[in-house]
Amino acid sequence: MDLLCNAGKSAYNHKPMHPPSSSRTLLANGILLLTACIWGFAFVAQRVGMDHLGPFAFNGIRFLLGAASLLPLIQYNRSRGRLTGTPADRMALLKAGGGIGLMLFAGASLQQIGMVTTTAGNAGFLTGLYVILVPVIGLFWGQRTGMGAWTGAVLAVAGMWLLSVQAGFHIVSGDLWVMASAVCWAGHVLLVGHLAQKVDVLMLSCLQFVVCGVLSLTTAFLFEDVTMQAVQAAAIPILYGGIMSVGVAYTLQVVGQQWAKASHAAIILSLEGAFAALGGWLLIGETLTLRQLLGCALMLAGMLVSQCWPACQKKAVVE
């Protein structure tokens, strides 16, 4: 609890953060790796939940549940006098949460629209392209990306191809929607990395969940048939998707990205695809082929290269 509660304490009051130490960077990488693991296993919950609820209803309920799960921590911070920002700080927080929430909703919606006409394998690969888009878009924001991150990103994309695309890859209309969602996911990673250092991370997470949840649920009531019986039937997947995938994992993403480069964060978070395959194998009896195992290995190699390259360069300079 203290890690989450203290992570954004100074950020909420707009105090400048010190450059991340090596131990803090290692902690951030571990947090993001845990995030990818939780997200990966959430694919199993989402797959089961979709047997009972439409995608927008499922997303709407789980994101609002995720927001509710953070209220005790937010109240804990409030009781200890940590949420004492000025009106200008609160306005900045509202703008940040609204912007990231809209990006989150756009990414989830575009991805789901695309999956109507494309395969799950194509969707998984194309969504993962944000690992390359993050450093590319970052260039326009003045962010420099080292050779290690670029190499790691290429390895991760190659791994995602082997993991996700099992048959011939053909571009259909759904693929274009999913590619558009990848741009939104890249924007989400960059926005989180930029704003997490300026506002309270718990409040930022809660606000983005509320925005995404309300928009998703509104869309569900307009276009889907939502019944209480369906919600009850999908209760367990909703609980995991809401509390763990949203409340815990998305908040850990914001915490971890305070101290991690956006390009490195994207590579680590892309491992959710490997964890999804592992979760399917462990929990619902899906098989992992040699091709998929090689894909997982390449994605892991991409993460290790992106993290170890800078250290190796520093060592070479010293020697």
Protein backbone atom coordinates (compact mmCIF):
# COMPACT_ATOMS: atom_id res chain seq x y z
CA MET A 1 0.00 0.00 0.00
CA ASP A 2 2.76 2.45 0.93
CA LEU A 3 4.40 2.07 -2.50
CA LEU A 4 1.20 3.09 -4.28
CA CYS A 5 0.28 5.76 -1.76
CA ASN A 6 3.69 7.43 -1.70
CA ALA A 7 4.53 7.12 -5.41
CA GLY A 8 2.74 10.27 -6.50
CA LYS A 9 3.05 12.32 -3.32
CA SER A 10 5.47 14.94 -4.56
CA ALA A 11 4.18 14.75 -8.14
CA TYR A 12 0.74 15.98 -7.11
CA ASN A 13 2.27 19.20 -5.86
CA HIS A 14 4.34 19.60 -9.04
CA LYS A 15 7.70 19.21 -7.29
CA PRO A 16 10.44 18.22 -9.75
CA MET A 17 11.52 14.60 -9.48
CA HIS A 18 15.17 13.62 -9.26
CA PRO A 19 16.71 11.56 -12.08
CA PRO A 20 15.93 7.90 -11.50
CA SER A 21 18.63 5.87 -9.78
CA SER A 22 19.60 2.42 -11.05
CA SER A 23 17.73 0.75 -8.18
CA ARG A 24 14.61 2.82 -8.87
CA THR A 25 14.81 1.98 -12.57
CA LEU A 26 15.10 -1.72 -11.69
CA LEU A 27 12.05 -1.40 -9.43
CA ALA A 28 10.12 0.35 -12.23
CA ASN A 29 10.99 -2.44 -14.67
CA GLY A 30 9.81 -5.04 -12.17
CA ILE A 31 6.54 -3.18 -11.65
CA LEU A 32 5.93 -2.96 -15.41
CA LEU A 33 6.76 -6.66 -15.83
CA LEU A 34 4.17 -7.50 -13.16
CA THR A 35 1.72 -5.26 -15.02
CA ALA A 36 2.29 -7.19 -18.26
CA CYS A 37 1.77 -10.48 -16.39
CA ILE A 38 -1.56 -9.36 -14.91
CA TRP A 39 -2.73 -8.02 -18.29
CA GLY A 40 -1.69 -11.21 -20.06
CA PHE A 41 -3.66 -13.47 -17.72
CA ALA A 42 -6.60 -11.06 -18.01
CA PHE A 43 -7.04 -12.18 -21.64
CA VAL A 44 -8.33 -15.48 -20.27
CA ALA A 45 -10.84 -13.65 -18.04
CA GLN A 46 -11.94 -11.43 -20.92
CA ARG A 47 -12.39 -14.40 -23.23
CA VAL A 48 -14.63 -16.14 -20.68
CA GLY A 49 -16.49 -12.93 -19.84
CA MET A 50 -17.34 -12.29 -23.49
CA ASP A 51 -19.42 -15.49 -23.47
CA HIS A 52 -22.01 -13.56 -21.44
CA LEU A 53 -21.50 -9.82 -22.04
CA GLY A 54 -20.78 -7.59 -25.02
CA PRO A 55 -17.33 -5.98 -25.17
CA PHE A 56 -18.46 -2.46 -24.24
CA ALA A 57 -20.53 -3.66 -21.29
CA PHE A 58 -17.67 -5.83 -20.04
CA ASN A 59 -15.18 -2.96 -20.38
CA GLY A 60 -17.54 -0.43 -18.84
CA ILE A 61 -18.24 -2.49 -15.73
CA ARG A 62 -14.64 -3.57 -15.17
CA PHE A 63 -13.20 -0.08 -15.56
CA LEU A 64 -15.72 1.42 -13.14
CA LEU A 65 -15.00 -1.46 -10.73
CA GLY A 66 -11.29 -0.70 -11.12
CA ALA A 67 -11.94 2.94 -10.23
CA ALA A 68 -13.95 1.89 -7.16
CA SER A 69 -11.14 -0.41 -6.01
CA LEU A 70 -8.81 2.61 -5.72
CA LEU A 71 -11.14 4.65 -3.51
CA PRO A 72 -9.83 3.15 -0.21
CA LEU A 73 -6.24 4.05 -1.15
CA ILE A 74 -7.28 7.54 -2.22
CA GLN A 75 -9.15 8.03 1.05
CA TYR A 76 -6.07 6.77 2.92
CA ASN A 77 -3.96 9.43 1.21
CA ARG A 78 -6.58 12.07 1.91
CA SER A 79 -6.71 11.18 5.61
CA ARG A 80 -2.93 11.62 5.85
CA GLY A 81 -3.07 15.04 4.20
CA ARG A 82 -1.36 13.99 0.97
CA LEU A 83 -4.00 15.28 -1.44
CA THR A 84 -3.53 18.98 -0.76
CA GLY A 85 -3.01 20.43 -4.22
CA THR A 86 -4.05 23.91 -5.30
CA PRO A 87 -7.07 24.54 -7.56
CA ALA A 88 -4.62 24.75 -10.47
CA ASP A 89 -3.24 21.33 -9.52
CA ARG A 90 -6.73 19.84 -9.40
CA MET A 91 -7.57 21.31 -12.80
CA ALA A 92 -4.36 19.85 -14.24
CA LEU A 93 -5.29 16.49 -12.75
CA LEU A 94 -8.78 16.59 -14.30
CA LYS A 95 -7.34 17.44 -17.72
CA ALA A 96 -4.72 14.67 -17.45
CA GLY A 97 -7.24 12.04 -16.33
CA GLY A 98 -9.73 13.06 -19.01
CA GLY A 99 -7.14 12.97 -21.78
CA ILE A 100 -5.70 9.60 -20.81
CA GLY A 101 -9.21 8.20 -20.24
CA LEU A 102 -10.27 9.23 -23.75
CA MET A 103 -7.13 7.63 -25.20
CA LEU A 104 -7.82 4.45 -23.22
CA PHE A 105 -11.42 4.32 -24.44
CA ALA A 106 -10.40 4.98 -28.04
CA GLY A 107 -7.78 2.21 -28.01
CA ALA A 108 -10.12 -0.37 -26.46
CA SER A 109 -13.02 0.56 -28.77
CA LEU A 110 -11.05 0.58 -32.02
CA GLN A 111 -9.46 -2.73 -31.12
CA GLN A 112 -12.84 -4.31 -30.41
CA ILE A 113 -14.37 -2.98 -33.64
CA GLY A 114 -11.48 -4.46 -35.59
CA MET A 115 -11.80 -7.87 -33.96
CA VAL A 116 -15.25 -8.25 -35.52
CA THR A 117 -13.69 -8.90 -38.93
CA THR A 118 -10.07 -9.89 -38.21
CA THR A 119 -8.52 -12.87 -36.46
CA ALA A 120 -7.36 -12.85 -32.85
CA GLY A 121 -3.82 -13.58 -34.04
CA ASN A 122 -3.73 -10.60 -36.39
CA ALA A 123 -5.30 -8.39 -33.72
CA GLY A 124 -2.73 -9.45 -31.14
CA PHE A 125 0.17 -8.73 -33.46
CA LEU A 126 -1.14 -5.41 -34.78
CA THR A 127 -2.01 -4.15 -31.30
CA GLY A 128 1.53 -4.96 -30.20
CA LEU A 129 2.93 -2.67 -32.89
CA TYR A 130 2.68 0.14 -30.33
CA VAL A 131 6.07 -1.12 -29.13
CA ILE A 132 7.54 0.39 -32.33
CA LEU A 133 5.13 3.34 -32.52
CA VAL A 134 6.09 4.62 -29.04
CA PRO A 135 9.69 5.57 -29.95
CA VAL A 136 8.59 6.78 -33.41
CA ILE A 137 5.93 9.13 -31.99
CA GLY A 138 8.33 10.05 -29.20
CA LEU A 139 10.69 11.52 -31.79
CA PHE A 140 8.08 14.19 -32.55
CA TRP A 141 7.94 14.97 -28.82
CA GLY A 142 11.69 15.48 -28.71
CA GLN A 143 12.38 12.16 -26.98
CA ARG A 144 15.60 10.44 -28.01
CA THR A 145 15.60 6.65 -28.17
CA GLY A 146 18.85 4.70 -27.95
CA MET A 147 19.93 1.86 -30.22
CA GLY A 148 19.24 -0.67 -27.46
CA ALA A 149 15.58 0.31 -27.30
CA TRP A 150 15.21 0.18 -31.09
CA THR A 151 16.86 -3.25 -31.22
CA GLY A 152 14.71 -4.50 -28.38
CA ALA A 153 11.57 -3.19 -30.09
CA VAL A 154 12.41 -4.99 -33.34
CA LEU A 155 13.02 -8.25 -31.46
CA ALA A 156 9.73 -7.82 -29.60
CA VAL A 157 7.79 -7.26 -32.84
CA ALA A 158 9.40 -10.34 -34.40
CA GLY A 159 8.43 -12.32 -31.33
CA MET A 160 4.86 -11.05 -31.47
CA TRP A 161 4.64 -12.13 -35.11
CA LEU A 162 5.68 -15.69 -34.25
CA LEU A 163 3.43 -15.75 -31.18
CA SER A 164 0.26 -14.28 -32.71
CA VAL A 165 0.18 -14.80 -36.49
CA GLN A 166 -0.26 -18.51 -37.15
CA ALA A 167 -1.56 -18.51 -40.71
CA GLY A 168 -1.22 -16.26 -43.73
CA PHE A 169 -1.41 -12.59 -42.84
CA HIS A 170 -4.00 -10.80 -44.97
CA ILE A 171 -5.04 -7.17 -44.56
CA VAL A 172 -8.80 -6.75 -44.08
CA SER A 173 -10.84 -3.81 -42.83
CA GLY A 174 -10.60 -5.07 -39.26
CA ASP A 175 -6.81 -4.97 -39.43
CA LEU A 176 -6.95 -1.25 -40.21
CA TRP A 177 -9.13 -0.61 -37.15
CA VAL A 178 -6.72 -2.55 -34.94
CA MET A 179 -3.74 -0.66 -36.39
CA ALA A 180 -5.53 2.57 -35.47
CA SER A 181 -5.95 1.22 -31.93
CA ALA A 182 -2.20 0.57 -31.76
CA VAL A 183 -1.63 4.29 -32.35
CA CYS A 184 -3.95 5.01 -29.39
CA TRP A 185 -2.10 2.53 -27.17
CA ALA A 186 1.20 4.17 -28.11
CA GLY A 187 -0.27 7.57 -27.29
CA HIS A 188 -1.54 6.21 -23.98
CA VAL A 189 1.92 4.94 -22.99
CA LEU A 190 3.53 8.28 -23.91
CA LEU A 191 0.88 10.34 -22.12
CA VAL A 192 1.15 8.24 -18.97
CA GLY A 193 4.94 8.57 -19.01
CA HIS A 194 4.65 12.34 -19.40
CA LEU A 195 1.85 13.03 -16.91
CA ALA A 196 2.67 10.50 -14.18
CA GLN A 197 5.49 12.78 -13.00
CA LYS A 198 3.19 15.79 -12.66
CA VAL A 199 0.04 14.60 -10.87
CA ASP A 200 -0.93 12.09 -8.19
CA VAL A 201 -0.78 8.61 -9.71
CA LEU A 202 -3.75 7.18 -7.81
CA MET A 203 -6.03 10.06 -8.73
CA LEU A 204 -4.80 9.95 -12.34
CA SER A 205 -5.51 6.21 -12.56
CA CYS A 206 -8.95 6.56 -10.98
CA LEU A 207 -9.98 9.40 -13.29
CA GLN A 208 -8.93 7.60 -16.47
CA PHE A 209 -10.87 4.51 -15.36
CA VAL A 210 -14.01 6.57 -14.70
CA VAL A 211 -13.82 8.29 -18.09
CA CYS A 212 -13.24 5.03 -19.97
CA GLY A 213 -15.85 3.16 -17.93
CA VAL A 214 -18.60 5.75 -18.37
CA LEU A 215 -17.98 6.05 -22.11
CA SER A 216 -17.89 2.25 -22.54
CA LEU A 217 -21.04 1.67 -20.52
CA THR A 218 -22.90 4.45 -22.36
CA THR A 219 -21.96 2.82 -25.66
CA ALA A 220 -23.06 -0.57 -24.32
CA PHE A 221 -26.54 0.68 -23.40
CA LEU A 222 -26.87 2.21 -26.87
CA PHE A 223 -25.71 -0.77 -28.93
CA GLU A 224 -25.70 -3.89 -26.73
CA ASP A 225 -28.22 -5.92 -24.78
CA VAL A 226 -27.15 -5.68 -21.12
CA THR A 227 -28.98 -7.79 -18.53
CA MET A 228 -28.38 -8.44 -14.84
CA GLN A 229 -28.34 -12.17 -15.52
CA ALA A 230 -25.47 -11.73 -17.97
CA VAL A 231 -23.55 -9.59 -15.46
CA GLN A 232 -23.99 -12.24 -12.76
CA ALA A 233 -22.85 -15.01 -15.12
CA ALA A 234 -19.67 -13.06 -15.90
CA ALA A 235 -19.04 -12.06 -12.27
CA ILE A 236 -15.69 -13.82 -11.78
CA PRO A 237 -14.11 -12.57 -15.05
CA ILE A 238 -15.42 -9.07 -14.26
CA LEU A 239 -13.89 -9.17 -10.77
CA TYR A 240 -10.47 -10.17 -12.10
CA GLY A 241 -10.71 -7.78 -15.03
CA GLY A 242 -11.85 -4.92 -12.80
CA ILE A 243 -9.75 -5.30 -9.67
CA MET A 244 -6.57 -6.90 -11.00
CA SER A 245 -6.34 -5.91 -14.69
CA VAL A 246 -7.70 -2.37 -14.23
CA GLY A 247 -7.41 -1.33 -10.58
CA VAL A 248 -4.03 -2.93 -9.89
CA ALA A 249 -2.28 -3.29 -13.26
CA TYR A 250 -3.12 0.07 -14.86
CA THR A 251 -2.19 1.81 -11.62
CA LEU A 252 1.09 -0.09 -11.49
CA GLN A 253 1.70 1.05 -15.07
CA VAL A 254 1.36 4.69 -14.00
CA VAL A 255 3.60 4.10 -10.95
CA GLY A 256 6.26 2.29 -12.98
CA GLN A 257 6.29 4.85 -15.79
CA GLN A 258 7.30 7.59 -13.37
CA TRP A 259 10.80 6.14 -13.46
CA ALA A 260 10.99 4.24 -16.78
CA LYS A 261 11.56 5.51 -20.30
CA ALA A 262 8.44 5.25 -22.45
CA SER A 263 10.24 3.17 -25.11
CA HIS A 264 11.51 0.70 -22.51
CA ALA A 265 8.08 0.57 -20.85
CA ALA A 266 6.43 -0.30 -24.17
CA ILE A 267 8.79 -3.23 -24.70
CA ILE A 268 8.20 -4.62 -21.21
CA LEU A 269 4.42 -4.13 -21.43
CA SER A 270 4.35 -5.92 -24.80
CA LEU A 271 5.20 -9.12 -22.90
CA GLU A 272 1.49 -9.29 -22.02
CA GLY A 273 1.14 -11.29 -25.25
CA ALA A 274 3.57 -13.92 -23.96
CA PHE A 275 1.83 -14.03 -20.58
CA ALA A 276 -1.54 -14.34 -22.36
CA ALA A 277 -0.29 -17.42 -24.21
CA LEU A 278 1.07 -18.82 -20.94
CA GLY A 279 -2.22 -18.13 -19.18
CA GLY A 280 -4.20 -19.84 -21.94
CA TRP A 281 -1.94 -22.88 -21.65
CA LEU A 282 -2.13 -23.07 -17.85
CA LEU A 283 -5.79 -22.18 -17.28
CA ILE A 284 -7.88 -23.20 -20.28
CA GLY A 285 -5.81 -25.92 -21.92
CA GLU A 286 -4.56 -24.05 -24.99
CA THR A 287 -1.42 -25.41 -26.62
CA LEU A 288 1.89 -23.63 -27.17
CA THR A 289 3.70 -24.59 -30.38
CA LEU A 290 7.44 -24.42 -30.89
CA ARG A 291 6.87 -21.33 -33.05
CA GLN A 292 5.01 -19.60 -30.21
CA LEU A 293 7.67 -20.53 -27.66
CA LEU A 294 10.30 -19.03 -29.97
CA GLY A 295 8.16 -15.90 -30.20
CA CYS A 296 8.03 -15.64 -26.41
CA ALA A 297 11.81 -16.08 -26.26
CA LEU A 298 12.35 -13.28 -28.80
CA MET A 299 10.06 -10.94 -26.86
CA LEU A 300 11.97 -11.68 -23.65
CA ALA A 301 15.24 -11.09 -25.52
CA GLY A 302 13.91 -7.74 -26.71
CA MET A 303 13.20 -6.67 -23.14
CA LEU A 304 16.63 -7.80 -21.93
CA VAL A 305 18.44 -6.08 -24.80
CA SER A 306 16.65 -2.78 -24.21
CA GLN A 307 17.55 -2.87 -20.50
CA CYS A 308 21.11 -4.21 -20.72
CA TRP A 309 22.35 -2.24 -23.75
CA PRO A 310 22.87 1.09 -21.91
CA ALA A 311 24.71 -0.63 -19.05
CA CYS A 312 27.00 -2.46 -21.48
CA GLN A 313 27.76 0.80 -23.29
CA LYS A 314 28.67 2.55 -20.02
CA LYS A 315 30.92 -0.36 -19.05
CA ALA A 316 32.67 -0.24 -22.43
CA VAL A 317 33.31 3.50 -22.06
CA VAL A 318 34.74 3.06 -18.57
CA GLU A 319 37.06 0.29 -19.72
